[in-house]
Amino acid sequence: MNFLLALYVILSRICYYLVYPFLLRSSENQRRSVPPSPDKLLQVSASTLSELIRRKKITSEELVRAYIRRIKEVNHLINAVVEERFGKALKEAKYVDEYLRTTSLTKTELETIKPLLGVPVTIKESCMLSGMSYAVGTVVRRGIKADSDGEVVARIKMSGAIPLLVSTTPELCSGYSCVNNITGTTCNPYDVTRNSGGSSGGEAALLGAGASIIGVGSDLAGSLRFPAFCCGVFAHKPTARVVPLKGHFPLPSDKMISDYLTIGPMTRYAEDLNLLLSIMCGKQAIDLGLHEVVDLSQIRVYHMEEAPPSIINPPVHFEIKKAIRESVAFLEKNCNTKTMQDCPFQGLKNSFEFSMSAFCQLEGVPNYFKGENKNILVEMFKSMMGQSKFSFGYLFTLCSLDMRDFICSEKYSKMVEELKVNMMQELRDNGVFIYPTFPTTALKHGEFYFKAAGIGYLTPFNLMGLPATTVPCGKTSDGLPIGLQVIASPNQDRLCLAVAEELERCFGGWTPSNDPK
């Protein structure tokens, strides 16, 4: 155990109990959630919407208008939009409707060539959408626009989808709270006194609010899964290197970045994950077998309700534990999966330590504070007081990188490799691992830094390059989303997605805020 990290966790817990009454009091009587929408068009999966458009049962224009109305209705509550392109999106929707009136292509041909024709999509600002803001939340880059589409975004546009906007991130995607000094704070649609998670927090908030149907995010250390968990939607971190990263910013120059960082889909409905991932992967979708039917009766299910006990690992909320038990029982009863009674992944005990060690070794992380000739700790204090051009989350990340000599160790690298070998040997091509996404529900604004050890539930699967899907599992008694993640061996993404679809039947999937479910 790393003494410095253990000390940090212990002190942060002590400080949390001292500070929490003030956090609670500051949000007292301010809790509010976004209102549910009565528009039935906003409660249909992208897969179904694309079929309805191809069959001319609805028009792309009416669908795009419906989502624009919803975004305008809720964004003043969640603050998830960096820059919109509503006018251009409507023109593109009208073009789609005209194209469908005149094309000689059959519905089958259209489905093959343009599987998302006329369907609106939202894009995380860091993923490069031509003509849109590309500042990624840092004042230093304010006003910078993307001069082209990132490779993934280009593929999605080629599929016929219509981008509506770019969504918020923490400064340079550095943090698990979606806060920056350009757009401010993004809020959770189920409780605006809580954060939407990061770094794909804008996407998750829009999806959770029913203001987007499919979105593009990215995940370096849980940045797809954590926001999706907080906002009650689905997200998939693909196997390393199957989705191109070209166009993502930041993109550290470190040789390991392509193993850790992935771009992936975020959706409200499980069936859309496969469709969107297939488009993102291009030809690699065939290699991944994304179009193959998965026989769930042949699946072996491992599970853990929480990480092996240690001073560092935080306890998991009892309702999340209950959801994991229910998911395993549901799969066994309804799909005849085989439940593995003994879970051998005890190496997860040290996940926070080896995660911090690995990420503190990353080279080439953009450092706009360098050359400021200021003390970073003083600047962090100024940031807390709103007197710095840098966000606290970004400075916290830079400060962590400065501690690499005290945190990094070769023994942690060996732990990761041993755990990866262990998981691959056990899971093989027909095993999945069900595990908490995060130990607690969405955190109040400013609360994450007292509970940072929770990232130990997210980051190991980036370090090992394993696919992982976050699945919403209903809500707590006080209306906050909970969920779990489904993990598989490299290139077995289809297993995660198939299990996610089945668990959507178990738990009901995404449910709007204020919904009593």
Protein backbone atom coordinates (compact mmCIF):
# COMPACT_ATOMS: atom_id res chain seq x y z
CA MET A 1 0.00 0.00 0.00
CA ASN A 2 1.28 3.45 -0.91
CA PHE A 3 1.58 5.48 2.29
CA LEU A 4 0.99 8.83 0.57
CA LEU A 5 -2.20 7.65 -1.14
CA ALA A 6 -3.47 5.99 2.03
CA LEU A 7 -2.83 9.21 3.96
CA TYR A 8 -4.65 11.22 1.29
CA VAL A 9 -7.70 8.94 1.44
CA ILE A 10 -7.83 8.96 5.25
CA LEU A 11 -7.45 12.75 5.48
CA SER A 12 -10.01 13.30 2.73
CA ARG A 13 -12.53 11.18 4.64
CA ILE A 14 -11.92 13.13 7.83
CA CYS A 15 -12.29 16.42 5.95
CA TYR A 16 -15.43 15.12 4.25
CA TYR A 17 -17.21 14.53 7.55
CA LEU A 18 -16.24 18.04 8.62
CA VAL A 19 -17.26 19.70 5.36
CA TYR A 20 -20.35 17.66 4.41
CA PRO A 21 -22.75 19.55 6.73
CA PHE A 22 -21.82 22.76 4.88
CA LEU A 23 -22.24 21.09 1.48
CA LEU A 24 -25.63 19.84 2.61
CA ARG A 25 -26.68 23.20 3.97
CA SER A 26 -25.56 25.03 0.81
CA SER A 27 -27.87 22.86 -1.29
CA GLU A 28 -30.73 22.76 1.21
CA ASN A 29 -34.10 23.49 -0.40
CA GLN A 30 -32.36 23.84 -3.81
CA ARG A 31 -32.87 20.30 -5.05
CA ARG A 32 -34.65 20.28 -8.37
CA SER A 33 -34.83 17.88 -11.30
CA VAL A 34 -35.63 18.49 -14.94
CA PRO A 35 -39.31 18.05 -15.80
CA PRO A 36 -40.21 14.95 -17.82
CA SER A 37 -41.32 15.54 -21.39
CA PRO A 38 -44.76 14.43 -22.62
CA ASP A 39 -43.44 14.17 -26.20
CA LYS A 40 -43.59 10.47 -27.11
CA LEU A 41 -41.13 11.06 -29.96
CA LEU A 42 -38.43 11.68 -27.35
CA GLN A 43 -39.01 8.27 -25.76
CA VAL A 44 -38.03 6.11 -28.73
CA SER A 45 -34.60 4.54 -29.39
CA ALA A 46 -32.38 5.82 -32.18
CA SER A 47 -32.60 2.42 -33.88
CA THR A 48 -36.39 2.70 -34.03
CA LEU A 49 -36.34 6.37 -35.02
CA SER A 50 -34.06 5.68 -37.97
CA GLU A 51 -36.43 2.96 -39.13
CA LEU A 52 -39.42 5.29 -38.80
CA ILE A 53 -37.62 7.95 -40.85
CA ARG A 54 -36.69 5.47 -43.59
CA ARG A 55 -40.32 4.30 -43.75
CA LYS A 56 -41.47 7.96 -43.84
CA LYS A 57 -43.61 7.49 -40.73
CA ILE A 58 -41.94 10.57 -39.26
CA THR A 59 -39.73 13.23 -40.78
CA SER A 60 -36.21 14.05 -39.74
CA GLU A 61 -37.25 17.69 -39.43
CA GLU A 62 -39.95 17.02 -36.85
CA LEU A 63 -37.57 14.81 -34.87
CA VAL A 64 -34.77 17.38 -34.90
CA ARG A 65 -37.22 20.12 -33.91
CA ALA A 66 -38.46 18.00 -31.01
CA TYR A 67 -34.93 17.57 -29.64
CA ILE A 68 -34.11 21.24 -30.12
CA ARG A 69 -37.22 22.16 -28.11
CA ARG A 70 -36.22 19.75 -25.36
CA ILE A 71 -32.67 21.08 -25.18
CA LYS A 72 -33.96 24.64 -24.88
CA GLU A 73 -36.41 23.49 -22.21
CA VAL A 74 -33.83 21.89 -19.91
CA ASN A 75 -30.44 23.46 -20.60
CA HIS A 76 -31.00 26.37 -18.22
CA LEU A 77 -31.16 23.71 -15.48
CA ILE A 78 -28.31 21.40 -16.50
CA ASN A 79 -25.98 23.79 -18.39
CA ALA A 80 -24.66 21.09 -20.76
CA VAL A 81 -24.35 22.97 -24.08
CA VAL A 82 -21.12 24.62 -25.17
CA GLU A 83 -22.26 25.63 -28.67
CA GLU A 84 -25.30 24.67 -30.73
CA ARG A 85 -25.82 24.40 -34.48
CA PHE A 86 -29.62 24.22 -34.50
CA GLY A 87 -30.09 26.24 -37.70
CA LYS A 88 -27.70 24.05 -39.70
CA ALA A 89 -29.17 20.89 -38.17
CA LEU A 90 -32.66 21.86 -39.36
CA LYS A 91 -31.38 22.51 -42.88
CA GLU A 92 -29.71 19.08 -42.87
CA ALA A 93 -32.91 17.46 -41.61
CA LYS A 94 -34.91 19.04 -44.42
CA TYR A 95 -32.32 17.78 -46.90
CA VAL A 96 -32.73 14.25 -45.50
CA ASP A 97 -36.51 14.41 -45.92
CA GLU A 98 -36.14 15.63 -49.51
CA TYR A 99 -33.54 12.95 -50.23
CA LEU A 100 -35.93 10.25 -49.00
CA ARG A 101 -38.66 11.59 -51.30
CA THR A 102 -36.45 11.27 -54.36
CA THR A 103 -34.02 8.39 -53.72
CA SER A 104 -34.31 5.13 -55.60
CA LEU A 105 -32.55 3.19 -52.84
CA THR A 106 -34.56 0.55 -51.01
CA LYS A 107 -35.11 0.69 -47.24
CA THR A 108 -32.63 -2.17 -46.83
CA GLU A 109 -30.00 -0.35 -48.86
CA LEU A 110 -30.58 2.83 -46.88
CA GLU A 111 -30.24 0.93 -43.60
CA THR A 112 -26.92 -0.49 -44.77
CA ILE A 113 -25.49 2.75 -46.14
CA LYS A 114 -27.06 5.31 -43.77
CA PRO A 115 -28.12 3.46 -40.60
CA LEU A 116 -28.70 6.70 -38.64
CA LEU A 117 -30.18 8.77 -41.46
CA GLY A 118 -31.91 11.83 -40.05
CA VAL A 119 -31.33 11.00 -36.37
CA PRO A 120 -29.95 13.80 -34.15
CA VAL A 121 -26.74 13.22 -32.19
CA THR A 122 -24.78 15.27 -29.64
CA ILE A 123 -20.98 15.40 -29.47
CA LYS A 124 -18.58 15.89 -26.57
CA GLU A 125 -16.59 19.07 -27.25
CA SER A 126 -13.27 17.21 -27.11
CA CYS A 127 -14.23 15.02 -30.10
CA MET A 128 -13.88 17.70 -32.81
CA LEU A 129 -17.00 18.72 -34.72
CA SER A 130 -16.20 21.00 -37.68
CA GLY A 131 -17.00 24.67 -37.10
CA MET A 132 -17.84 24.15 -33.43
CA SER A 133 -16.03 25.17 -30.25
CA TYR A 134 -12.85 23.18 -29.62
CA ALA A 135 -11.66 25.00 -26.49
CA VAL A 136 -12.42 21.95 -24.31
CA GLY A 137 -13.19 24.11 -21.31
CA THR A 138 -9.90 25.95 -20.92
CA VAL A 139 -9.72 29.75 -21.04
CA VAL A 140 -6.35 29.53 -22.80
CA ARG A 141 -8.10 28.02 -25.85
CA ARG A 142 -11.25 30.16 -25.73
CA GLY A 143 -12.53 30.90 -29.24
CA ILE A 144 -10.74 28.02 -30.95
CA LYS A 145 -12.97 26.21 -33.46
CA ALA A 146 -12.55 22.77 -34.98
CA ASP A 147 -11.47 23.12 -38.63
CA SER A 148 -12.63 19.59 -39.51
CA ASP A 149 -14.38 16.57 -38.05
CA GLY A 150 -12.59 14.02 -35.90
CA GLU A 151 -12.52 10.58 -37.49
CA VAL A 152 -15.30 9.14 -35.32
CA VAL A 153 -17.51 12.19 -35.82
CA ALA A 154 -16.95 11.97 -39.58
CA ARG A 155 -18.08 8.34 -39.55
CA ILE A 156 -21.20 9.21 -37.58
CA LYS A 157 -22.08 12.01 -39.99
CA MET A 158 -21.51 9.63 -42.91
CA SER A 159 -24.05 7.30 -41.30
CA GLY A 160 -26.64 10.04 -41.76
CA ALA A 161 -26.80 11.35 -38.17
CA ILE A 162 -27.26 15.08 -37.65
CA PRO A 163 -25.11 16.77 -34.95
CA LEU A 164 -27.01 19.29 -32.83
CA LEU A 165 -24.25 20.68 -30.59
CA VAL A 166 -21.03 20.15 -28.69
CA SER A 167 -21.41 19.43 -24.98
CA THR A 168 -19.52 20.41 -21.86
CA THR A 169 -16.44 18.81 -20.32
CA PRO A 170 -14.20 19.65 -17.36
CA GLU A 171 -11.18 21.75 -18.33
CA LEU A 172 -9.19 19.64 -20.82
CA CYS A 173 -11.25 16.61 -19.70
CA SER A 174 -9.29 16.58 -16.45
CA GLY A 175 -11.71 15.67 -13.75
CA TYR A 176 -14.76 13.74 -12.65
CA SER A 177 -16.81 16.90 -12.06
CA CYS A 178 -17.99 18.74 -15.16
CA VAL A 179 -16.76 22.23 -14.27
CA ASN A 180 -14.70 24.73 -16.26
CA ASN A 181 -14.12 28.48 -16.38
CA ILE A 182 -15.80 29.02 -19.75
CA THR A 183 -19.21 27.38 -19.40
CA GLY A 184 -19.31 26.89 -15.63
CA THR A 185 -20.86 23.87 -13.90
CA THR A 186 -22.96 21.16 -15.54
CA CYS A 187 -25.66 19.77 -13.27
CA ASN A 188 -27.27 16.39 -12.83
CA PRO A 189 -30.76 16.22 -14.39
CA TYR A 190 -32.06 14.18 -11.43
CA ASP A 191 -30.81 16.67 -8.84
CA VAL A 192 -29.21 19.94 -9.91
CA THR A 193 -27.34 20.21 -6.58
CA ARG A 194 -25.26 17.24 -7.77
CA ASN A 195 -22.72 16.90 -10.55
CA SER A 196 -23.26 15.06 -13.82
CA GLY A 197 -19.84 13.40 -13.59
CA GLY A 198 -16.88 13.81 -15.90
CA SER A 199 -15.41 14.10 -18.25
CA SER A 200 -18.30 13.30 -20.63
CA GLY A 201 -20.61 15.09 -18.21
CA GLY A 202 -22.42 17.25 -20.74
CA GLU A 203 -23.36 14.25 -22.85
CA ALA A 204 -24.60 12.31 -19.84
CA ALA A 205 -26.67 15.24 -18.57
CA LEU A 206 -28.35 15.74 -21.95
CA LEU A 207 -29.12 12.04 -22.27
CA GLY A 208 -30.39 11.74 -18.72
CA ALA A 209 -32.61 14.77 -19.26
CA GLY A 210 -34.13 13.23 -22.39
CA ALA A 211 -32.55 16.01 -24.47
CA SER A 212 -30.38 13.69 -26.57
CA ILE A 213 -30.92 10.18 -27.85
CA ILE A 214 -27.33 9.18 -28.71
CA GLY A 215 -24.03 10.85 -27.90
CA VAL A 216 -20.29 10.63 -28.46
CA GLY A 217 -17.97 10.69 -25.45
CA SER A 218 -14.49 9.53 -24.47
CA ASP A 219 -12.98 7.56 -21.62
CA LEU A 220 -9.43 7.79 -20.28
CA ALA A 221 -10.12 6.85 -16.68
CA GLY A 222 -13.86 6.25 -16.49
CA SER A 223 -14.96 9.39 -18.34
CA LEU A 224 -17.78 7.63 -20.23
CA ARG A 225 -18.94 5.27 -17.52
CA PHE A 226 -18.94 7.56 -14.49
CA PRO A 227 -21.14 10.30 -16.03
CA ALA A 228 -23.47 7.68 -17.52
CA PHE A 229 -23.78 6.09 -14.07
CA CYS A 230 -24.49 9.47 -12.43
CA CYS A 231 -27.19 10.34 -14.98
CA GLY A 232 -28.88 6.95 -15.36
CA VAL A 233 -27.95 6.12 -18.97
CA PHE A 234 -25.86 3.59 -20.90
CA ALA A 235 -22.25 3.99 -22.02
CA HIS A 236 -19.68 1.63 -23.46
CA LYS A 237 -15.90 1.89 -23.15
CA PRO A 238 -14.68 -0.16 -26.12
CA THR A 239 -11.70 -2.47 -26.25
CA ALA A 240 -8.50 -0.45 -26.60
CA ARG A 241 -7.55 0.61 -30.14
CA VAL A 242 -10.75 -0.49 -31.93
CA VAL A 243 -12.09 3.09 -32.28
CA PRO A 244 -9.83 5.77 -33.85
CA LEU A 245 -8.73 8.68 -31.64
CA LYS A 246 -7.87 11.14 -34.41
CA GLY A 247 -9.47 14.48 -33.64
CA HIS A 248 -9.66 14.08 -29.89
CA PHE A 249 -8.19 16.83 -27.71
CA PRO A 250 -6.34 16.52 -25.50
CA LEU A 251 -4.39 13.56 -26.85
CA PRO A 252 -1.25 13.16 -24.70
CA SER A 253 1.84 12.05 -26.61
CA ASP A 254 2.50 9.14 -24.23
CA LYS A 255 3.02 5.80 -26.00
CA MET A 256 0.38 4.18 -23.77
CA ILE A 257 -2.40 6.66 -24.53
CA SER A 258 -3.97 4.50 -27.25
CA ASP A 259 -4.22 1.67 -24.75
CA TYR A 260 -5.92 3.81 -22.11
CA LEU A 261 -8.03 6.38 -23.98
CA THR A 262 -11.08 5.36 -26.02
CA ILE A 263 -13.94 7.16 -27.75
CA GLY A 264 -17.25 5.43 -27.24
CA PRO A 265 -21.05 5.59 -27.44
CA MET A 266 -23.47 6.95 -24.84
CA THR A 267 -27.18 6.19 -25.23
CA ARG A 268 -30.51 6.12 -23.44
CA TYR A 269 -31.43 2.70 -24.82
CA ALA A 270 -29.21 -0.37 -24.75
CA GLU A 271 -29.91 -1.46 -28.33
CA ASP A 272 -28.37 1.76 -29.65
CA LEU A 273 -24.97 0.98 -28.14
CA ASN A 274 -24.29 -1.76 -30.68
CA LEU A 275 -25.44 0.36 -33.61
CA LEU A 276 -23.37 3.39 -32.62
CA LEU A 277 -20.30 1.34 -31.74
CA SER A 278 -20.47 -0.46 -35.10
CA ILE A 279 -20.40 2.91 -36.87
CA MET A 280 -17.52 4.14 -34.72
CA CYS A 281 -15.47 0.98 -35.34
CA GLY A 282 -15.97 0.87 -39.11
CA LYS A 283 -14.58 -2.32 -40.59
CA GLN A 284 -13.39 -3.49 -37.17
CA ALA A 285 -17.03 -4.10 -36.25
CA ILE A 286 -16.80 -7.32 -38.26
CA ASP A 287 -13.71 -8.46 -36.34
CA LEU A 288 -15.52 -7.73 -33.08
CA GLY A 289 -18.55 -9.75 -34.20
CA LEU A 290 -20.88 -6.91 -33.30
CA HIS A 291 -23.52 -8.21 -35.70
CA GLU A 292 -23.45 -11.72 -34.29
CA VAL A 293 -26.23 -12.96 -32.02
CA VAL A 294 -24.89 -13.77 -28.54
CA ASP A 295 -26.18 -16.96 -26.92
CA LEU A 296 -26.44 -15.82 -23.31
CA SER A 297 -26.99 -19.37 -22.10
CA GLN A 298 -23.31 -19.96 -22.85
CA ILE A 299 -22.14 -17.01 -20.76
CA ARG A 300 -20.31 -17.44 -17.47
CA VAL A 301 -20.97 -14.63 -14.98
CA TYR A 302 -18.47 -13.48 -12.38
CA HIS A 303 -19.39 -10.74 -9.95
CA MET A 304 -18.18 -8.74 -6.98
CA GLU A 305 -20.36 -6.40 -4.94
CA GLU A 306 -17.36 -4.29 -3.96
CA ALA A 307 -13.57 -4.28 -4.15
CA PRO A 308 -11.66 -6.47 -1.70
CA PRO A 309 -11.46 -4.65 1.65
CA SER A 310 -8.60 -2.27 2.39
CA ILE A 311 -8.08 1.07 4.13
CA ILE A 312 -8.30 2.82 0.79
CA ASN A 313 -11.27 1.14 -0.92
CA PRO A 314 -14.58 2.88 -0.08
CA PRO A 315 -17.68 0.84 0.80
CA VAL A 316 -20.36 0.44 -1.87
CA HIS A 317 -23.90 1.79 -1.42
CA PHE A 318 -26.20 -1.03 -0.32
CA GLU A 319 -28.66 -0.43 -3.18
CA ILE A 320 -25.86 -0.85 -5.74
CA LYS A 321 -24.89 -4.14 -4.08
CA LYS A 322 -28.51 -5.24 -4.23
CA ALA A 323 -28.67 -4.39 -7.94
CA ILE A 324 -25.62 -6.55 -8.62
CA ARG A 325 -27.18 -9.50 -6.80
CA GLU A 326 -30.44 -9.02 -8.69
CA SER A 327 -28.68 -8.79 -12.04
CA VAL A 328 -26.81 -12.06 -11.50
CA ALA A 329 -29.99 -13.83 -10.37
CA PHE A 330 -31.95 -12.43 -13.34
CA LEU A 331 -29.38 -13.63 -15.87
CA GLU A 332 -29.24 -17.06 -14.30
CA LYS A 333 -33.03 -17.43 -14.19
CA ASN A 334 -33.97 -15.88 -17.53
CA CYS A 335 -30.95 -16.68 -19.70
CA ASN A 336 -29.56 -19.83 -18.04
CA THR A 337 -26.17 -18.18 -17.59
CA LYS A 338 -23.71 -19.93 -15.32
CA THR A 339 -22.93 -18.03 -12.13
CA MET A 340 -19.34 -18.49 -11.00
CA GLN A 341 -19.50 -18.65 -7.21
CA ASP A 342 -15.88 -17.74 -6.49
CA CYS A 343 -14.54 -14.56 -8.06
CA PRO A 344 -10.75 -14.75 -8.46
CA PHE A 345 -10.07 -11.07 -9.18
CA GLN A 346 -8.56 -10.19 -5.82
CA GLY A 347 -5.96 -8.01 -7.54
CA LEU A 348 -8.63 -5.29 -7.61
CA LYS A 349 -7.82 -4.68 -3.95
CA ASN A 350 -5.01 -2.33 -5.04
CA SER A 351 -6.86 -0.73 -7.94
CA PHE A 352 -6.73 2.87 -6.67
CA GLU A 353 -2.99 2.68 -6.04
CA PHE A 354 -2.03 1.15 -9.38
CA SER A 355 -4.45 3.43 -11.24
CA MET A 356 -2.91 6.56 -9.72
CA SER A 357 0.56 5.21 -10.41
CA ALA A 358 -0.21 4.55 -14.08
CA PHE A 359 -1.88 7.86 -14.82
CA CYS A 360 0.73 9.88 -12.99
CA GLN A 361 3.29 8.42 -15.38
CA LEU A 362 1.53 9.76 -18.49
CA GLU A 363 3.75 12.01 -20.58
CA GLY A 364 2.65 14.82 -22.86
CA VAL A 365 -0.41 15.97 -20.90
CA PRO A 366 -1.05 19.62 -21.93
CA ASN A 367 0.27 21.90 -19.18
CA TYR A 368 -0.91 25.46 -19.73
CA PHE A 369 0.09 26.36 -16.17
CA LYS A 370 3.75 25.77 -17.02
CA GLY A 371 5.52 29.09 -17.41
CA GLU A 372 3.02 30.98 -15.26
CA ASN A 373 5.73 31.48 -12.62
CA LYS A 374 3.20 30.80 -9.86
CA ASN A 375 2.92 28.24 -7.09
CA ILE A 376 0.39 25.60 -8.11
CA LEU A 377 -0.91 25.13 -4.54
CA VAL A 378 -1.52 28.87 -4.23
CA GLU A 379 -3.23 28.78 -7.62
CA MET A 380 -5.46 25.93 -6.44
CA PHE A 381 -6.54 28.03 -3.48
CA LYS A 382 -7.20 30.99 -5.81
CA SER A 383 -9.25 28.68 -8.03
CA MET A 384 -11.41 27.68 -5.06
CA MET A 385 -12.07 31.39 -4.52
CA GLY A 386 -12.90 31.93 -8.21
CA GLN A 387 -9.74 33.99 -8.77
CA SER A 388 -7.84 31.79 -11.25
CA LYS A 389 -8.21 31.29 -14.98
CA PHE A 390 -7.65 27.57 -14.34
CA SER A 391 -10.23 25.24 -12.81
CA PHE A 392 -9.51 23.40 -9.58
CA GLY A 393 -9.92 20.04 -11.32
CA TYR A 394 -7.26 20.82 -13.92
CA LEU A 395 -4.83 22.12 -11.30
CA PHE A 396 -5.53 19.06 -9.14
CA THR A 397 -4.58 16.86 -12.11
CA LEU A 398 -1.35 18.77 -12.71
CA CYS A 399 -0.52 18.59 -9.01
CA SER A 400 -1.02 14.81 -9.09
CA LEU A 401 1.38 14.54 -12.05
CA ASP A 402 3.97 16.47 -10.05
CA MET A 403 3.72 13.79 -7.35
CA ARG A 404 4.71 10.95 -9.68
CA ASP A 405 8.02 10.32 -7.89
CA PHE A 406 6.10 9.54 -4.71
CA ILE A 407 3.22 7.61 -6.26
CA CYS A 408 4.63 5.68 -9.21
CA SER A 409 6.20 2.30 -8.69
CA GLU A 410 7.23 -0.60 -10.89
CA LYS A 411 5.41 -2.99 -8.57
CA TYR A 412 2.09 -1.38 -9.51
CA SER A 413 2.77 -1.94 -13.22
CA LYS A 414 3.36 -5.62 -12.44
CA MET A 415 0.08 -5.73 -10.49
CA VAL A 416 -1.82 -4.48 -13.54
CA GLU A 417 -0.21 -7.04 -15.83
CA GLU A 418 -0.89 -9.88 -13.41
CA LEU A 419 -4.52 -8.83 -13.01
CA LYS A 420 -4.98 -8.54 -16.78
CA VAL A 421 -3.59 -12.04 -17.36
CA ASN A 422 -5.81 -13.34 -14.56
CA MET A 423 -8.96 -11.72 -15.99
CA MET A 424 -8.27 -12.80 -19.55
CA GLN A 425 -7.62 -16.38 -18.49
CA GLU A 426 -10.85 -16.51 -16.51
CA LEU A 427 -13.19 -14.57 -18.81
CA ARG A 428 -11.90 -15.90 -22.13
CA ASP A 429 -14.47 -15.50 -24.93
CA ASN A 430 -17.59 -16.37 -22.94
CA GLY A 431 -17.25 -14.71 -19.54
CA VAL A 432 -18.40 -11.38 -18.15
CA PHE A 433 -17.66 -9.66 -14.87
CA ILE A 434 -20.35 -7.59 -13.13
CA TYR A 435 -18.90 -4.93 -10.83
CA PRO A 436 -19.88 -1.52 -9.38
CA THR A 437 -19.27 1.47 -11.63
CA PHE A 438 -18.80 3.73 -8.61
CA PRO A 439 -19.40 3.13 -4.89
CA THR A 440 -21.96 5.91 -4.31
CA THR A 441 -24.65 7.80 -6.20
CA ALA A 442 -23.94 11.09 -8.00
CA LEU A 443 -21.96 13.44 -5.79
CA LYS A 444 -22.83 16.94 -4.69
CA HIS A 445 -20.90 19.76 -6.34
CA GLY A 446 -17.42 19.90 -4.83
CA GLU A 447 -17.73 16.51 -3.14
CA PHE A 448 -15.61 14.39 -5.50
CA TYR A 449 -12.23 15.38 -4.07
CA PHE A 450 -13.23 13.80 -0.77
CA LYS A 451 -14.21 10.55 -2.51
CA ALA A 452 -11.59 10.24 -5.24
CA ALA A 453 -10.70 6.68 -4.20
CA GLY A 454 -13.90 5.64 -5.97
CA ILE A 455 -12.08 5.84 -9.30
CA GLY A 456 -10.53 2.50 -8.38
CA TYR A 457 -13.77 0.98 -9.67
CA LEU A 458 -13.30 2.59 -13.10
CA THR A 459 -9.69 2.98 -14.12
CA PRO A 460 -8.36 -0.61 -13.94
CA PHE A 461 -10.30 -1.49 -17.08
CA ASN A 462 -8.68 1.36 -19.02
CA LEU A 463 -5.25 0.16 -17.92
CA MET A 464 -6.05 -3.38 -19.06
CA GLY A 465 -7.79 -2.33 -22.28
CA LEU A 466 -10.94 -4.28 -21.43
CA PRO A 467 -14.39 -3.37 -22.77
CA ALA A 468 -16.87 -2.20 -20.13
CA THR A 469 -20.52 -1.17 -20.34
CA THR A 470 -22.33 0.88 -17.70
CA VAL A 471 -25.94 -0.21 -17.18
CA PRO A 472 -28.54 1.86 -15.28
CA CYS A 473 -30.34 -0.16 -12.57
CA GLY A 474 -33.16 2.11 -11.49
CA LYS A 475 -33.01 4.71 -8.76
CA THR A 476 -32.51 4.93 -5.05
CA SER A 477 -35.36 5.70 -2.68
CA ASP A 478 -34.49 9.41 -3.01
CA GLY A 479 -34.59 9.35 -6.81
CA LEU A 480 -30.90 9.17 -7.76
CA PRO A 481 -29.74 6.76 -10.48
CA ILE A 482 -27.67 3.70 -9.65
CA GLY A 483 -25.96 1.24 -11.95
CA LEU A 484 -23.26 -1.33 -12.53
CA GLN A 485 -20.73 -2.18 -15.20
CA VAL A 486 -20.29 -5.30 -17.30
CA ILE A 487 -16.70 -6.14 -18.25
CA ALA A 488 -15.31 -8.72 -20.70
CA SER A 489 -12.02 -9.78 -22.28
CA PRO A 490 -10.48 -7.67 -25.07
CA ASN A 491 -12.49 -7.77 -28.32
CA GLN A 492 -15.50 -9.36 -26.56
CA ASP A 493 -17.46 -6.09 -26.57
CA ARG A 494 -20.51 -7.90 -27.96
CA LEU A 495 -20.82 -9.85 -24.68
CA CYS A 496 -21.00 -6.63 -22.65
CA LEU A 497 -23.60 -5.17 -25.01
CA ALA A 498 -25.75 -8.31 -25.05
CA VAL A 499 -25.78 -8.51 -21.25
CA ALA A 500 -26.60 -4.78 -21.07
CA GLU A 501 -29.65 -5.31 -23.28
CA GLU A 502 -30.82 -8.15 -21.07
CA LEU A 503 -30.33 -6.15 -17.88
CA GLU A 504 -32.33 -3.31 -19.40
CA ARG A 505 -35.26 -5.74 -19.32
CA CYS A 506 -34.49 -6.51 -15.69
CA PHE A 507 -34.23 -2.95 -14.38
CA GLY A 508 -36.18 -0.94 -16.94
CA GLY A 509 -33.20 0.99 -18.29
CA TRP A 510 -33.32 4.76 -18.42
CA THR A 511 -36.24 6.37 -16.62
CA PRO A 512 -36.96 10.11 -16.69
CA SER A 513 -36.40 12.26 -13.64
CA ASN A 514 -39.54 12.62 -11.53
CA ASP A 515 -40.58 9.20 -12.79
CA PRO A 516 -41.69 7.18 -9.72
CA LYS A 517 -39.97 3.98 -10.91
